[in-house]
N, C-alpha and C. Protein backbone atom coordinates (compact mmCIF):
# COMPACT_ATOMS: atom_id res chain seq x y z
N UNK A 1 -7.84 -17.29 65.98
CA UNK A 1 -7.70 -18.65 65.51
C UNK A 1 -7.28 -19.57 66.66
N UNK A 2 -6.61 -19.02 67.63
CA UNK A 2 -6.17 -19.82 68.77
C UNK A 2 -7.36 -20.46 69.48
N UNK A 3 -8.47 -19.75 69.61
CA UNK A 3 -9.63 -20.32 70.30
C UNK A 3 -10.21 -21.51 69.52
N UNK A 4 -10.13 -21.47 68.19
CA UNK A 4 -10.59 -22.61 67.39
C UNK A 4 -9.69 -23.82 67.65
N UNK A 5 -8.39 -23.59 67.72
CA UNK A 5 -7.47 -24.68 68.03
C UNK A 5 -7.79 -25.28 69.40
N UNK A 6 -8.05 -24.42 70.36
CA UNK A 6 -8.36 -24.88 71.72
C UNK A 6 -9.64 -25.71 71.72
N UNK A 7 -10.65 -25.24 71.00
CA UNK A 7 -11.90 -26.00 70.94
C UNK A 7 -11.68 -27.37 70.32
N UNK A 8 -10.90 -27.43 69.26
CA UNK A 8 -10.60 -28.71 68.63
C UNK A 8 -9.85 -29.61 69.60
N UNK A 9 -8.85 -29.06 70.28
CA UNK A 9 -8.06 -29.86 71.22
C UNK A 9 -8.89 -30.36 72.39
N UNK A 10 -9.94 -29.62 72.76
CA UNK A 10 -10.79 -29.99 73.89
C UNK A 10 -11.95 -30.90 73.49
N UNK A 11 -12.12 -31.15 72.21
CA UNK A 11 -13.24 -31.97 71.74
C UNK A 11 -13.15 -33.38 72.33
N UNK A 12 -14.30 -33.92 72.70
CA UNK A 12 -14.35 -35.24 73.33
C UNK A 12 -14.72 -36.36 72.35
N UNK A 13 -15.13 -35.98 71.13
CA UNK A 13 -15.46 -37.00 70.13
C UNK A 13 -15.08 -36.48 68.75
N UNK A 14 -14.93 -37.40 67.84
CA UNK A 14 -14.58 -36.99 66.48
C UNK A 14 -15.71 -36.20 65.83
N UNK A 15 -16.95 -36.53 66.15
CA UNK A 15 -18.06 -35.76 65.58
C UNK A 15 -18.09 -34.34 66.15
N UNK A 16 -17.62 -34.16 67.37
CA UNK A 16 -17.50 -32.82 67.93
C UNK A 16 -16.43 -32.03 67.17
N UNK A 17 -15.35 -32.69 66.80
CA UNK A 17 -14.31 -32.05 65.99
C UNK A 17 -14.90 -31.61 64.65
N UNK A 18 -15.69 -32.48 64.04
CA UNK A 18 -16.34 -32.14 62.76
C UNK A 18 -17.23 -30.92 62.94
N UNK A 19 -18.02 -30.88 64.00
CA UNK A 19 -18.93 -29.76 64.24
C UNK A 19 -18.15 -28.46 64.45
N UNK A 20 -17.07 -28.51 65.20
CA UNK A 20 -16.25 -27.31 65.43
C UNK A 20 -15.65 -26.83 64.12
N UNK A 21 -15.15 -27.76 63.32
CA UNK A 21 -14.57 -27.40 62.03
C UNK A 21 -15.63 -26.78 61.13
N UNK A 22 -16.82 -27.35 61.15
CA UNK A 22 -17.93 -26.81 60.36
C UNK A 22 -18.28 -25.39 60.82
N UNK A 23 -18.31 -25.17 62.14
CA UNK A 23 -18.58 -23.83 62.69
C UNK A 23 -17.50 -22.84 62.27
N UNK A 24 -16.26 -23.29 62.29
CA UNK A 24 -15.17 -22.43 61.86
C UNK A 24 -15.35 -22.02 60.40
N UNK A 25 -15.66 -22.98 59.56
CA UNK A 25 -15.84 -22.69 58.13
C UNK A 25 -17.00 -21.73 57.90
N UNK A 26 -17.99 -21.77 58.76
CA UNK A 26 -19.13 -20.86 58.63
C UNK A 26 -18.74 -19.40 58.85
N UNK A 27 -17.58 -19.17 59.46
CA UNK A 27 -17.13 -17.79 59.68
C UNK A 27 -16.46 -17.21 58.44
N UNK A 28 -16.16 -18.04 57.47
CA UNK A 28 -15.52 -17.59 56.23
C UNK A 28 -16.55 -16.95 55.32
N UNK A 29 -16.22 -15.83 54.75
CA UNK A 29 -17.11 -15.18 53.79
C UNK A 29 -16.92 -15.82 52.42
N UNK A 30 -17.90 -15.65 51.54
CA UNK A 30 -17.73 -16.18 50.18
C UNK A 30 -16.47 -15.64 49.48
N UNK A 31 -16.13 -14.39 49.73
CA UNK A 31 -14.92 -13.85 49.08
C UNK A 31 -13.64 -14.48 49.65
N UNK A 32 -13.65 -14.84 50.93
CA UNK A 32 -12.49 -15.52 51.51
C UNK A 32 -12.36 -16.94 50.93
N UNK A 33 -13.47 -17.62 50.80
CA UNK A 33 -13.45 -18.97 50.24
C UNK A 33 -13.01 -18.93 48.78
N UNK A 34 -13.39 -17.87 48.08
CA UNK A 34 -13.02 -17.73 46.67
C UNK A 34 -11.51 -17.57 46.49
N UNK A 35 -10.80 -17.19 47.54
CA UNK A 35 -9.34 -17.07 47.48
C UNK A 35 -8.66 -18.43 47.40
N UNK A 36 -9.37 -19.47 47.81
CA UNK A 36 -8.81 -20.82 47.79
C UNK A 36 -8.87 -21.39 46.37
N UNK A 37 -7.92 -22.25 46.04
CA UNK A 37 -8.01 -22.94 44.75
C UNK A 37 -9.34 -23.70 44.69
N UNK A 38 -9.96 -23.69 43.54
CA UNK A 38 -11.31 -24.26 43.41
C UNK A 38 -11.40 -25.71 43.88
N UNK A 39 -10.40 -26.52 43.57
CA UNK A 39 -10.50 -27.94 43.90
C UNK A 39 -10.46 -28.24 45.40
N UNK A 40 -10.02 -27.27 46.21
CA UNK A 40 -9.98 -27.54 47.65
C UNK A 40 -10.85 -26.57 48.45
N UNK A 41 -11.84 -26.02 47.81
CA UNK A 41 -12.81 -25.21 48.55
C UNK A 41 -13.70 -26.15 49.33
N UNK A 42 -13.93 -25.82 50.59
CA UNK A 42 -14.70 -26.75 51.43
C UNK A 42 -16.15 -26.88 50.99
N UNK A 43 -16.60 -28.10 51.01
CA UNK A 43 -18.01 -28.39 50.78
C UNK A 43 -18.65 -28.70 52.12
N UNK A 44 -19.63 -29.50 52.08
CA UNK A 44 -20.34 -29.89 53.30
C UNK A 44 -19.50 -30.90 54.10
N UNK A 45 -19.30 -30.62 55.37
CA UNK A 45 -18.58 -31.55 56.25
C UNK A 45 -19.59 -32.33 57.08
N UNK A 46 -19.75 -33.61 56.78
CA UNK A 46 -20.73 -34.44 57.48
C UNK A 46 -20.09 -35.33 58.54
N UNK A 47 -18.86 -35.77 58.25
CA UNK A 47 -18.24 -36.73 59.16
C UNK A 47 -16.73 -36.63 59.08
N UNK A 48 -16.07 -37.54 59.79
CA UNK A 48 -14.61 -37.54 59.87
C UNK A 48 -13.97 -37.72 58.50
N UNK A 49 -14.58 -38.52 57.65
CA UNK A 49 -14.03 -38.77 56.32
C UNK A 49 -13.99 -37.48 55.51
N UNK A 50 -15.02 -36.65 55.62
CA UNK A 50 -15.03 -35.38 54.91
C UNK A 50 -13.90 -34.47 55.39
N UNK A 51 -13.65 -34.46 56.70
CA UNK A 51 -12.55 -33.67 57.25
C UNK A 51 -11.22 -34.21 56.73
N UNK A 52 -11.05 -35.51 56.76
CA UNK A 52 -9.80 -36.12 56.28
C UNK A 52 -9.58 -35.86 54.79
N UNK A 53 -10.63 -35.95 54.00
CA UNK A 53 -10.49 -35.70 52.56
C UNK A 53 -10.11 -34.26 52.28
N UNK A 54 -10.76 -33.32 52.93
CA UNK A 54 -10.43 -31.91 52.75
C UNK A 54 -9.01 -31.63 53.23
N UNK A 55 -8.64 -32.22 54.35
CA UNK A 55 -7.29 -32.07 54.88
C UNK A 55 -6.27 -32.52 53.84
N UNK A 56 -6.48 -33.70 53.24
CA UNK A 56 -5.56 -34.21 52.23
C UNK A 56 -5.45 -33.30 51.02
N UNK A 57 -6.58 -32.81 50.54
CA UNK A 57 -6.57 -31.91 49.38
C UNK A 57 -5.83 -30.61 49.69
N UNK A 58 -6.07 -30.06 50.90
CA UNK A 58 -5.42 -28.81 51.28
C UNK A 58 -3.91 -28.98 51.41
N UNK A 59 -3.49 -30.04 52.04
CA UNK A 59 -2.05 -30.28 52.22
C UNK A 59 -1.38 -30.44 50.87
N UNK A 60 -1.99 -31.20 49.97
CA UNK A 60 -1.42 -31.38 48.64
C UNK A 60 -1.36 -30.05 47.89
N UNK A 61 -2.42 -29.26 47.97
CA UNK A 61 -2.44 -27.97 47.30
C UNK A 61 -1.38 -27.04 47.90
N UNK A 62 -1.27 -27.05 49.22
CA UNK A 62 -0.28 -26.20 49.88
C UNK A 62 1.14 -26.59 49.46
N UNK A 63 1.36 -27.88 49.33
CA UNK A 63 2.68 -28.39 48.95
C UNK A 63 3.08 -27.93 47.55
N UNK A 64 2.12 -27.82 46.65
CA UNK A 64 2.43 -27.48 45.26
C UNK A 64 2.04 -26.06 44.86
N UNK A 65 1.47 -25.33 45.79
CA UNK A 65 0.92 -24.01 45.47
C UNK A 65 1.99 -22.97 45.13
N UNK A 66 1.61 -22.09 44.25
CA UNK A 66 2.43 -20.93 43.93
C UNK A 66 1.71 -19.66 44.37
N UNK A 67 0.69 -19.83 45.22
CA UNK A 67 -0.10 -18.70 45.70
C UNK A 67 0.77 -17.75 46.52
N UNK A 68 0.37 -16.49 46.51
CA UNK A 68 1.06 -15.47 47.30
C UNK A 68 0.01 -14.58 47.96
N UNK A 69 0.47 -13.73 48.84
CA UNK A 69 -0.39 -12.72 49.46
C UNK A 69 -1.59 -13.30 50.18
N UNK A 70 -2.74 -12.68 49.99
CA UNK A 70 -3.96 -13.09 50.69
C UNK A 70 -4.42 -14.48 50.29
N UNK A 71 -4.16 -14.87 49.05
CA UNK A 71 -4.53 -16.22 48.61
C UNK A 71 -3.74 -17.27 49.39
N UNK A 72 -2.45 -17.03 49.56
CA UNK A 72 -1.62 -17.95 50.34
C UNK A 72 -2.03 -17.94 51.81
N UNK A 73 -2.33 -16.77 52.33
CA UNK A 73 -2.74 -16.66 53.74
C UNK A 73 -4.02 -17.47 53.98
N UNK A 74 -4.98 -17.39 53.08
CA UNK A 74 -6.22 -18.15 53.22
C UNK A 74 -5.94 -19.65 53.18
N UNK A 75 -5.10 -20.07 52.25
CA UNK A 75 -4.74 -21.48 52.14
C UNK A 75 -4.03 -21.96 53.40
N UNK A 76 -3.11 -21.17 53.92
CA UNK A 76 -2.39 -21.53 55.15
C UNK A 76 -3.33 -21.64 56.34
N UNK A 77 -4.22 -20.68 56.46
CA UNK A 77 -5.13 -20.66 57.61
C UNK A 77 -6.05 -21.88 57.62
N UNK A 78 -6.66 -22.16 56.48
CA UNK A 78 -7.57 -23.30 56.41
C UNK A 78 -6.81 -24.61 56.57
N UNK A 79 -5.64 -24.70 55.98
CA UNK A 79 -4.83 -25.91 56.12
C UNK A 79 -4.48 -26.14 57.59
N UNK A 80 -4.12 -25.08 58.30
CA UNK A 80 -3.77 -25.21 59.73
C UNK A 80 -4.91 -25.79 60.55
N UNK A 81 -6.11 -25.29 60.33
CA UNK A 81 -7.27 -25.79 61.08
C UNK A 81 -7.56 -27.25 60.73
N UNK A 82 -7.49 -27.58 59.45
CA UNK A 82 -7.79 -28.96 59.04
C UNK A 82 -6.72 -29.94 59.51
N UNK A 83 -5.48 -29.51 59.55
CA UNK A 83 -4.42 -30.36 60.09
C UNK A 83 -4.71 -30.63 61.57
N UNK A 84 -5.04 -29.59 62.30
CA UNK A 84 -5.32 -29.74 63.74
C UNK A 84 -6.53 -30.65 63.95
N UNK A 85 -7.58 -30.47 63.14
CA UNK A 85 -8.77 -31.30 63.27
C UNK A 85 -8.45 -32.76 62.96
N UNK A 86 -7.67 -33.00 61.93
CA UNK A 86 -7.30 -34.38 61.56
C UNK A 86 -6.48 -35.05 62.65
N UNK A 87 -5.57 -34.31 63.23
CA UNK A 87 -4.76 -34.85 64.33
C UNK A 87 -5.65 -35.22 65.50
N UNK A 88 -6.60 -34.35 65.84
CA UNK A 88 -7.48 -34.61 66.98
C UNK A 88 -8.37 -35.82 66.72
N UNK A 89 -8.87 -35.94 65.50
CA UNK A 89 -9.69 -37.10 65.15
C UNK A 89 -8.87 -38.38 65.30
N UNK A 90 -7.62 -38.36 64.87
CA UNK A 90 -6.74 -39.53 65.01
C UNK A 90 -6.48 -39.84 66.48
N UNK A 91 -6.26 -38.82 67.29
CA UNK A 91 -6.04 -39.03 68.72
C UNK A 91 -7.25 -39.68 69.37
N UNK A 92 -8.43 -39.17 69.03
CA UNK A 92 -9.65 -39.72 69.61
C UNK A 92 -9.88 -41.16 69.16
N UNK A 93 -9.57 -41.46 67.92
CA UNK A 93 -9.70 -42.84 67.43
C UNK A 93 -8.73 -43.76 68.16
N UNK A 94 -7.52 -43.28 68.38
CA UNK A 94 -6.52 -44.06 69.10
C UNK A 94 -6.96 -44.30 70.54
N UNK A 95 -7.46 -43.24 71.19
CA UNK A 95 -7.95 -43.38 72.56
C UNK A 95 -9.10 -44.38 72.63
N UNK A 96 -9.99 -44.34 71.64
CA UNK A 96 -11.11 -45.27 71.60
C UNK A 96 -10.64 -46.70 71.40
N UNK A 97 -9.64 -46.89 70.56
CA UNK A 97 -9.10 -48.23 70.32
C UNK A 97 -8.42 -48.77 71.57
N UNK A 98 -7.72 -47.91 72.29
CA UNK A 98 -7.07 -48.35 73.53
C UNK A 98 -8.10 -48.76 74.57
N UNK A 99 -9.18 -47.99 74.67
CA UNK A 99 -10.24 -48.30 75.62
C UNK A 99 -10.91 -49.62 75.30
N UNK A 100 -11.13 -49.88 74.03
CA UNK A 100 -11.75 -51.12 73.59
C UNK A 100 -10.80 -52.29 73.79
N UNK A 101 -9.53 -52.09 73.46
CA UNK A 101 -8.56 -53.17 73.57
C UNK A 101 -8.32 -53.57 75.03
N UNK A 102 -8.39 -52.62 75.94
CA UNK A 102 -8.12 -52.93 77.34
C UNK A 102 -9.34 -53.47 78.06
N UNK A 103 -10.48 -53.50 77.36
CA UNK A 103 -11.69 -53.99 78.01
C UNK A 103 -12.39 -52.92 78.80
N UNK A 104 -11.86 -51.72 78.82
CA UNK A 104 -12.48 -50.63 79.53
C UNK A 104 -13.69 -50.14 78.76
N UNK A 105 -14.74 -49.76 79.47
CA UNK A 105 -15.90 -49.21 78.77
C UNK A 105 -15.57 -47.84 78.20
N UNK A 106 -16.22 -47.43 77.13
CA UNK A 106 -15.99 -46.09 76.59
C UNK A 106 -16.42 -45.03 77.59
N UNK A 107 -15.90 -43.82 77.40
CA UNK A 107 -16.29 -42.72 78.28
C UNK A 107 -17.77 -42.45 78.15
N UNK A 108 -18.39 -42.07 79.25
CA UNK A 108 -19.79 -41.71 79.23
C UNK A 108 -20.68 -42.89 79.51
N UNK A 109 -21.95 -42.62 79.75
CA UNK A 109 -22.88 -43.71 80.08
C UNK A 109 -23.19 -44.56 78.86
N UNK A 110 -23.40 -45.82 79.12
CA UNK A 110 -23.78 -46.73 78.04
C UNK A 110 -25.24 -46.48 77.68
N UNK A 111 -25.56 -46.62 76.42
CA UNK A 111 -26.94 -46.42 75.97
C UNK A 111 -27.46 -47.73 75.40
N UNK A 112 -28.65 -48.04 75.74
CA UNK A 112 -29.28 -49.24 75.25
C UNK A 112 -30.04 -48.94 73.97
N UNK A 113 -30.09 -49.93 73.12
CA UNK A 113 -30.82 -49.77 71.87
C UNK A 113 -32.30 -50.10 72.04
N UNK A 114 -32.67 -50.52 73.24
CA UNK A 114 -34.06 -50.89 73.44
C UNK A 114 -34.98 -49.68 73.42
N UNK A 115 -36.24 -49.92 73.14
CA UNK A 115 -37.22 -48.84 72.98
C UNK A 115 -37.64 -48.25 74.32
N UNK A 116 -37.34 -48.90 75.44
CA UNK A 116 -37.83 -48.39 76.72
C UNK A 116 -36.95 -47.33 77.33
N UNK A 117 -36.01 -46.77 76.61
CA UNK A 117 -35.16 -45.68 77.12
C UNK A 117 -35.87 -44.38 77.04
């Protein structure tokens, strides 16, 4: 799990965080996902909002859960990854806002919307 945390921490964009989180979830078997309470089983993660929504549901479930054993372990593990992903998305948004506010161009080359690219 440490390598997943490292990948999230090294992500350069929020969509990269979403992709890493999606890849992590793909490693879960159907029986592992079934250990989670039904209302917070992960669905399709398309964007940052999906990560944030799942994060919120998991944290709320963890806060009120009476799960034990492997069910609790599954809930803790998924909650940990989603917390880390949400934090990284917030950091990247903050970094982007600072870059915009200071007049600095965003990281990476600028892309034109024109058709001649």
